[in-house]
Amino acid sequence: MNIGLFGGTFDPIHNGHLAVARAAAERCKLGKVLFVPSDIPPHKREQPVTEFIHRYAMVTLALQGEKGFFPSLLEASQEKYPTGENRIHYSIDTVRRIKASLPSSDKLFFITGIDAFREITTWREPESLLRECEFIVVSRPGYYLADVLDALPASLRPKTVVRRALHGAAPVSTLKLRGIILHLLEGVRVPAAATQIRAAVGSGRRLEKLVNPAVAEYIKKMKLYTQSASEVE
């Protein structure tokens, strides 16, 4: 079985996340997609993030009725540093934990957006991570295959120059090189962003077109994001 790993802050999970997961599942024939909320995102450790229990609850609500999509507690804090702080979860560790539990016939795909992928050299053990599983990189207008290649660690970049696709040219969707496989997922319409949703709550706007109705009700009931959106990025 092909299994997708979709990690993120999910603060909150919104219709854009679901659109990405559906497109990835269809494109790469994923039989299962695990949504893994991060308890302490390494890149956001200095920023305020909504409590994990709320973000996990919203993921669970959003996935009701979504065939093959499952919430995961893989990155819920279970261990602590000697200082007493919760241990940070890194993608490489999560991927290895999942693979260790899978039969050898299963294949793991890591789903991420182009913006996050462009920072992959700052992730822990980026070269090892890229070799541990296949990557599905969700593009957006203005980004091309060359942008994905430019983001790779220097040791993995192809020596030949890959020219940016001309407007209207057939996109290259899959790339195999030096032991890694990348899938560039294009044409996914993402109708919402977390910052947009948090701002909408602060201004009293309705959320039904941005998030699952059950998530909208949860946000209202728990009074989430009532502070200024700039306080929670």
Protein backbone atom coordinates (compact mmCIF):
# COMPACT_ATOMS: atom_id res chain seq x y z
CA MET A 1 0.00 0.00 0.00
CA ASN A 2 1.09 3.56 -0.68
CA ILE A 3 0.84 5.63 2.49
CA GLY A 4 0.97 9.41 2.70
CA LEU A 5 2.41 11.31 5.66
CA PHE A 6 0.96 14.80 5.88
CA GLY A 7 2.49 16.70 8.78
CA GLY A 8 1.97 20.27 9.84
CA THR A 9 0.89 22.64 12.52
CA PHE A 10 -2.77 22.48 11.37
CA ASP A 11 -3.55 25.65 13.29
CA PRO A 12 -6.29 25.14 12.22
CA ILE A 13 -6.76 22.41 9.61
CA HIS A 14 -8.70 23.89 6.68
CA ASN A 15 -10.19 23.04 3.30
CA GLY A 16 -6.86 23.71 1.60
CA HIS A 17 -5.22 20.92 3.57
CA LEU A 18 -7.97 18.53 2.52
CA ALA A 19 -7.68 19.58 -1.13
CA VAL A 20 -3.94 18.87 -1.04
CA ALA A 21 -4.41 15.46 0.57
CA ARG A 22 -7.12 14.46 -1.90
CA ALA A 23 -4.98 15.49 -4.88
CA ALA A 24 -1.92 13.69 -3.50
CA ALA A 25 -3.94 10.55 -2.81
CA GLU A 26 -5.27 10.52 -6.36
CA ARG A 27 -1.95 11.38 -8.03
CA CYS A 28 0.15 8.81 -6.17
CA LYS A 29 -2.55 6.21 -5.51
CA LEU A 30 -2.32 6.56 -1.76
CA GLY A 31 -4.40 4.00 0.10
CA LYS A 32 -4.02 5.88 3.37
CA VAL A 33 -3.03 9.40 4.42
CA LEU A 34 -1.90 10.07 7.98
CA PHE A 35 -2.45 13.63 9.21
CA VAL A 36 0.24 14.27 11.82
CA PRO A 37 -0.18 17.47 13.85
CA SER A 38 3.17 18.59 15.23
CA ASP A 39 3.24 19.26 18.96
CA ILE A 40 6.28 21.54 18.85
CA PRO A 41 7.11 22.46 15.24
CA PRO A 42 10.91 22.94 15.06
CA HIS A 43 10.51 25.98 12.80
CA LYS A 44 7.91 27.59 15.08
CA ARG A 45 9.33 26.94 18.52
CA GLU A 46 9.59 30.67 19.23
CA GLN A 47 6.05 31.39 18.06
CA PRO A 48 2.79 30.83 19.94
CA VAL A 49 0.87 27.82 18.67
CA THR A 50 -2.57 26.63 19.75
CA GLU A 51 -2.49 23.76 22.24
CA PHE A 52 -1.93 20.37 20.62
CA ILE A 53 -5.13 18.89 22.03
CA HIS A 54 -7.22 21.49 20.18
CA ARG A 55 -5.35 21.11 16.90
CA TYR A 56 -5.61 17.33 17.09
CA ALA A 57 -9.33 17.54 17.87
CA MET A 58 -9.90 19.78 14.84
CA VAL A 59 -7.98 17.37 12.60
CA THR A 60 -10.13 14.50 13.87
CA LEU A 61 -13.32 16.47 13.19
CA ALA A 62 -12.19 17.52 9.71
CA LEU A 63 -11.42 13.94 8.65
CA GLN A 64 -14.80 12.50 9.57
CA GLY A 65 -16.26 11.00 6.41
CA GLU A 66 -12.96 11.26 4.50
CA LYS A 67 -12.17 7.74 3.28
CA GLY A 68 -8.59 6.70 3.91
CA PHE A 69 -7.64 9.82 5.91
CA PHE A 70 -6.63 9.30 9.55
CA PRO A 71 -5.47 11.57 12.40
CA SER A 72 -2.20 10.54 14.05
CA LEU A 73 -0.68 11.09 17.48
CA LEU A 74 2.83 10.30 16.25
CA GLU A 75 4.13 13.73 17.20
CA ALA A 76 2.21 14.22 20.43
CA SER A 77 4.73 14.94 23.18
CA GLN A 78 5.61 11.78 25.07
CA GLU A 79 9.22 12.43 26.02
CA LYS A 80 10.88 15.37 27.73
CA TYR A 81 14.32 16.95 27.72
CA PRO A 82 16.31 16.94 31.00
CA THR A 83 15.14 20.54 31.43
CA GLY A 84 11.55 19.30 31.61
CA GLU A 85 10.53 20.75 28.23
CA ASN A 86 8.71 18.57 25.73
CA ARG A 87 11.00 16.91 23.21
CA ILE A 88 10.82 18.39 19.70
CA HIS A 89 9.76 16.01 16.96
CA TYR A 90 11.73 16.08 13.72
CA SER A 91 10.41 14.78 10.41
CA ILE A 92 13.28 12.33 9.97
CA ASP A 93 12.42 10.67 13.30
CA THR A 94 8.70 10.50 12.50
CA VAL A 95 9.37 8.98 9.08
CA ARG A 96 11.65 6.33 10.56
CA ARG A 97 9.11 5.46 13.24
CA ILE A 98 6.39 4.98 10.64
CA LYS A 99 8.61 2.91 8.35
CA ALA A 100 9.63 0.67 11.21
CA SER A 101 5.96 -0.22 11.74
CA LEU A 102 5.15 -0.87 8.08
CA PRO A 103 5.50 -4.10 6.12
CA SER A 104 8.29 -4.00 3.54
CA SER A 105 5.74 -3.98 0.72
CA ASP A 106 4.35 -0.58 1.78
CA LYS A 107 5.73 2.66 0.37
CA LEU A 108 5.78 5.97 2.25
CA PHE A 109 5.18 9.39 0.68
CA PHE A 110 5.91 12.67 2.48
CA ILE A 111 3.44 15.42 1.53
CA THR A 112 4.59 19.02 1.82
CA GLY A 113 4.09 22.41 0.18
CA ILE A 114 6.61 24.14 -2.05
CA ASP A 115 7.21 26.89 0.50
CA ALA A 116 8.21 24.40 3.20
CA PHE A 117 10.24 22.31 0.75
CA ARG A 118 12.32 25.32 -0.25
CA GLU A 119 13.64 25.31 3.34
CA ILE A 120 14.46 21.60 3.40
CA THR A 121 18.20 22.12 3.76
CA THR A 122 17.45 23.59 7.22
CA TRP A 123 15.60 20.43 8.31
CA ARG A 124 17.35 17.75 10.37
CA GLU A 125 19.28 15.28 8.18
CA PRO A 126 17.73 16.50 4.91
CA GLU A 127 19.63 14.11 2.66
CA SER A 128 18.67 11.09 4.76
CA LEU A 129 15.07 12.25 4.91
CA LEU A 130 14.85 12.60 1.14
CA ARG A 131 16.14 9.05 0.73
CA GLU A 132 13.85 7.55 3.39
CA CYS A 133 10.65 8.15 1.40
CA GLU A 134 9.25 9.68 -1.76
CA PHE A 135 8.25 13.34 -1.59
CA ILE A 136 5.07 14.89 -2.95
CA VAL A 137 5.73 18.62 -3.30
CA VAL A 138 2.58 20.68 -3.78
CA SER A 139 3.34 23.59 -6.07
CA ARG A 140 1.56 26.88 -6.56
CA PRO A 141 1.47 29.46 -9.38
CA GLY A 142 4.88 30.87 -10.22
CA TYR A 143 6.90 27.84 -9.11
CA TYR A 144 8.51 25.29 -11.39
CA LEU A 145 10.51 22.09 -11.31
CA ALA A 146 13.71 24.13 -11.21
CA ASP A 147 12.60 25.69 -7.91
CA VAL A 148 12.28 22.22 -6.40
CA LEU A 149 15.72 21.24 -7.66
CA ASP A 150 17.29 24.47 -6.41
CA ALA A 151 15.99 23.68 -2.92
CA LEU A 152 17.78 20.33 -2.72
CA PRO A 153 20.99 19.90 -0.73
CA ALA A 154 23.94 20.62 -3.01
CA SER A 155 25.02 16.97 -3.04
CA LEU A 156 21.68 15.90 -4.51
CA ARG A 157 21.23 18.55 -7.18
CA PRO A 158 21.58 17.36 -10.78
CA LYS A 159 24.72 18.54 -12.52
CA THR A 160 22.84 19.39 -15.69
CA VAL A 161 20.73 22.53 -15.80
CA VAL A 162 16.95 21.98 -15.76
CA ARG A 163 15.27 24.86 -17.57
CA ARG A 164 12.04 26.34 -16.26
CA ALA A 165 9.02 25.10 -18.17
CA LEU A 166 7.59 27.58 -20.64
CA HIS A 167 4.06 28.78 -20.05
CA GLY A 168 1.67 26.16 -21.38
CA ALA A 169 4.30 23.42 -21.62
CA ALA A 170 3.56 20.00 -20.21
CA PRO A 171 4.76 19.93 -16.59
CA VAL A 172 7.30 17.35 -15.43
CA SER A 173 5.55 15.66 -12.50
CA THR A 174 8.06 13.08 -11.29
CA LEU A 175 11.82 13.27 -10.94
CA LYS A 176 14.22 10.49 -9.97
CA LEU A 177 17.84 11.28 -9.16
CA ARG A 178 20.57 10.07 -6.87
CA GLY A 179 18.40 7.80 -4.81
CA ILE A 180 15.48 10.20 -4.32
CA ILE A 181 12.08 10.49 -5.95
CA LEU A 182 10.15 13.76 -6.09
CA HIS A 183 6.61 14.28 -7.35
CA LEU A 184 5.65 17.86 -8.20
CA LEU A 185 1.90 18.20 -7.68
CA GLU A 186 0.51 21.11 -9.68
CA GLY A 187 -2.93 22.56 -10.24
CA VAL A 188 -4.20 22.11 -6.67
CA ARG A 189 -6.58 24.88 -5.69
CA VAL A 190 -6.01 25.83 -2.05
CA PRO A 191 -9.02 27.97 -1.04
CA ALA A 192 -7.84 28.86 2.44
CA ALA A 193 -4.82 29.59 4.61
CA ALA A 194 -4.46 29.30 8.38
CA THR A 195 -3.56 32.98 8.79
CA GLN A 196 -6.65 33.93 6.80
CA ILE A 197 -8.85 31.80 9.06
CA ARG A 198 -7.40 33.19 12.26
CA ALA A 199 -7.93 36.70 10.93
CA ALA A 200 -11.52 35.84 9.99
CA VAL A 201 -12.23 34.71 13.55
CA GLY A 202 -10.81 37.92 14.94
CA SER A 203 -13.06 39.99 12.68
CA GLY A 204 -16.17 37.89 13.30
CA ARG A 205 -16.49 36.53 9.76
CA ARG A 206 -18.03 33.13 9.01
CA LEU A 207 -15.70 30.17 8.49
CA GLU A 208 -17.95 27.63 6.77
CA LYS A 209 -16.33 28.13 3.35
CA LEU A 210 -12.83 27.89 4.78
CA VAL A 211 -13.02 24.91 7.15
CA ASN A 212 -15.16 21.87 7.79
CA PRO A 213 -18.41 22.96 9.54
CA ALA A 214 -17.55 20.78 12.55
CA VAL A 215 -14.19 22.55 12.81
CA ALA A 216 -15.88 25.95 12.57
CA GLU A 217 -18.23 24.97 15.40
CA TYR A 218 -15.31 23.72 17.50
CA ILE A 219 -13.40 26.98 17.02
CA LYS A 220 -16.48 28.91 18.10
CA LYS A 221 -17.24 26.66 21.08
CA MET A 222 -13.66 26.68 22.39
CA LYS A 223 -13.20 30.40 21.63
CA LEU A 224 -10.02 29.78 19.64
CA TYR A 225 -8.21 32.52 17.71
CA THR A 226 -10.06 35.32 19.41
CA GLN A 227 -6.78 37.18 19.94
CA SER A 228 -5.17 39.21 17.20
CA ALA A 229 -4.14 36.98 14.30
CA SER A 230 -0.69 38.55 14.42
CA GLU A 231 -0.16 36.93 17.84
CA VAL A 232 -0.47 33.41 16.40
CA GLU A 233 1.51 32.94 13.21
